[in-house]
Amino acid sequence: MTGIPRRRLAVVGAGARAVELARLINEHPEAGYAVIGRCGPPSEQQEDAEGPPSRLGGYADAARAVG
């Protein structure tokens, strides 16, 4: 969808809930958000074809990741 500005968003956490949240947000671009990845400890990260592209860092990196 073009013409709608999208704010960059990082999902903080991992697991099934984080993947589902990212999927839901990305399926509705009209809401104005784009998930760019996830922040959390490496042990919590799950790579999933349906989820955001990658781990962006730890919890402390969340603000920098979307800034």
C-alpha atoms as a PDB file:
ATOM      1  CA  MET A   1       0.000   0.000   0.000  1.00  0.00           C
ATOM      2  CA  THR A   2       1.469   3.358  -0.940  1.00  0.00           C
ATOM      3  CA  GLY A   3       0.737   6.869   0.229  1.00  0.00           C
ATOM      4  CA  ILE A   4       0.310   6.015   3.920  1.00  0.00           C
ATOM      5  CA  PRO A   5       3.310   6.927   6.086  1.00  0.00           C
ATOM      6  CA  ARG A   6       4.334   3.956   8.213  1.00  0.00           C
ATOM      7  CA  ARG A   7       6.035   4.211  11.591  1.00  0.00           C
ATOM      8  CA  ARG A   8       8.861   1.773  12.254  1.00  0.00           C
ATOM      9  CA  LEU A   9       8.082  -0.628  15.082  1.00  0.00           C
ATOM     10  CA  ALA A  10      10.138  -3.267  16.908  1.00  0.00           C
ATOM     11  CA  VAL A  11       8.426  -6.125  18.731  1.00  0.00           C
ATOM     12  CA  VAL A  12      10.011  -6.512  22.167  1.00  0.00           C
ATOM     13  CA  GLY A  13      10.157 -10.173  23.163  1.00  0.00           C
ATOM     14  CA  ALA A  14       9.873 -13.431  21.281  1.00  0.00           C
ATOM     15  CA  GLY A  15       7.897 -16.619  21.091  1.00  0.00           C
ATOM     16  CA  ALA A  16       4.516 -17.352  19.581  1.00  0.00           C
ATOM     17  CA  ARG A  17       2.864 -14.165  20.871  1.00  0.00           C
ATOM     18  CA  ALA A  18       5.560 -11.921  19.395  1.00  0.00           C
ATOM     19  CA  VAL A  19       5.376 -13.696  16.035  1.00  0.00           C
ATOM     20  CA  GLU A  20       1.578 -13.403  15.987  1.00  0.00           C
ATOM     21  CA  LEU A  21       1.702  -9.710  16.917  1.00  0.00           C
ATOM     22  CA  ALA A  22       4.235  -8.958  14.172  1.00  0.00           C
ATOM     23  CA  ARG A  23       2.196 -10.903  11.627  1.00  0.00           C
ATOM     24  CA  LEU A  24      -1.002  -9.085  12.567  1.00  0.00           C
ATOM     25  CA  ILE A  25       0.637  -5.660  12.349  1.00  0.00           C
ATOM     26  CA  ASN A  26       2.270  -6.437   8.994  1.00  0.00           C
ATOM     27  CA  GLU A  27      -1.011  -7.733   7.565  1.00  0.00           C
ATOM     28  CA  HIS A  28      -2.634  -4.336   8.211  1.00  0.00           C
ATOM     29  CA  PRO A  29      -0.440  -1.608   6.679  1.00  0.00           C
ATOM     30  CA  GLU A  30      -3.424   0.738   6.787  1.00  0.00           C
ATOM     31  CA  ALA A  31      -2.795   1.008  10.541  1.00  0.00           C
ATOM     32  CA  GLY A  32       0.392   2.937   9.722  1.00  0.00           C
ATOM     33  CA  TYR A  33       3.022   0.616  11.251  1.00  0.00           C
ATOM     34  CA  ALA A  34       5.807  -1.561   9.835  1.00  0.00           C
ATOM     35  CA  VAL A  35       7.512  -4.204  11.991  1.00  0.00           C
ATOM     36  CA  ILE A  36      11.247  -4.071  11.306  1.00  0.00           C
ATOM     37  CA  GLY A  37      12.347  -6.831  13.705  1.00  0.00           C
ATOM     38  CA  ARG A  38      12.465  -8.030  17.307  1.00  0.00           C
ATOM     39  CA  CYS A  39      14.434  -7.049  20.405  1.00  0.00           C
ATOM     40  CA  GLY A  40      15.195  -9.469  23.222  1.00  0.00           C
ATOM     41  CA  PRO A  41      17.771 -11.932  24.491  1.00  0.00           C
ATOM     42  CA  PRO A  42      19.199 -14.266  21.819  1.00  0.00           C
ATOM     43  CA  SER A  43      17.895 -17.300  23.696  1.00  0.00           C
ATOM     44  CA  GLU A  44      14.331 -15.996  23.325  1.00  0.00           C
ATOM     45  CA  GLN A  45      14.530 -15.248  19.614  1.00  0.00           C
ATOM     46  CA  GLN A  46      12.713 -17.489  17.194  1.00  0.00           C
ATOM     47  CA  GLU A  47      13.295 -17.132  13.497  1.00  0.00           C
ATOM     48  CA  ASP A  48      10.028 -17.650  11.691  1.00  0.00           C
ATOM     49  CA  ALA A  49       9.144 -17.107   8.045  1.00  0.00           C
ATOM     50  CA  GLU A  50       5.964 -15.349   9.193  1.00  0.00           C
ATOM     51  CA  GLY A  51       7.733 -13.103  11.683  1.00  0.00           C
ATOM     52  CA  PRO A  52       9.776  -9.953  11.355  1.00  0.00           C
ATOM     53  CA  PRO A  53      13.105 -10.124   9.557  1.00  0.00           C
ATOM     54  CA  SER A  54      15.618 -10.432  12.372  1.00  0.00           C
ATOM     55  CA  ARG A  55      16.767  -9.859  15.917  1.00  0.00           C
ATOM     56  CA  LEU A  56      17.728  -6.201  16.284  1.00  0.00           C
ATOM     57  CA  GLY A  57      19.413  -6.508  19.673  1.00  0.00           C
ATOM     58  CA  GLY A  58      18.554  -6.858  23.334  1.00  0.00           C
ATOM     59  CA  TYR A  59      15.777  -5.148  25.256  1.00  0.00           C
ATOM     60  CA  ALA A  60      17.950  -2.068  25.804  1.00  0.00           C
ATOM     61  CA  ASP A  61      18.342  -1.679  22.028  1.00  0.00           C
ATOM     62  CA  ALA A  62      14.622  -1.316  21.263  1.00  0.00           C
ATOM     63  CA  ALA A  63      14.496   2.518  21.166  1.00  0.00           C
ATOM     64  CA  ARG A  64      17.656   2.751  19.033  1.00  0.00           C
ATOM     65  CA  ALA A  65      16.337   0.125  16.624  1.00  0.00           C
ATOM     66  CA  VAL A  66      13.301   2.175  15.612  1.00  0.00           C
ATOM     67  CA  GLY A  67      14.824   5.638  16.048  1.00  0.00           C
END
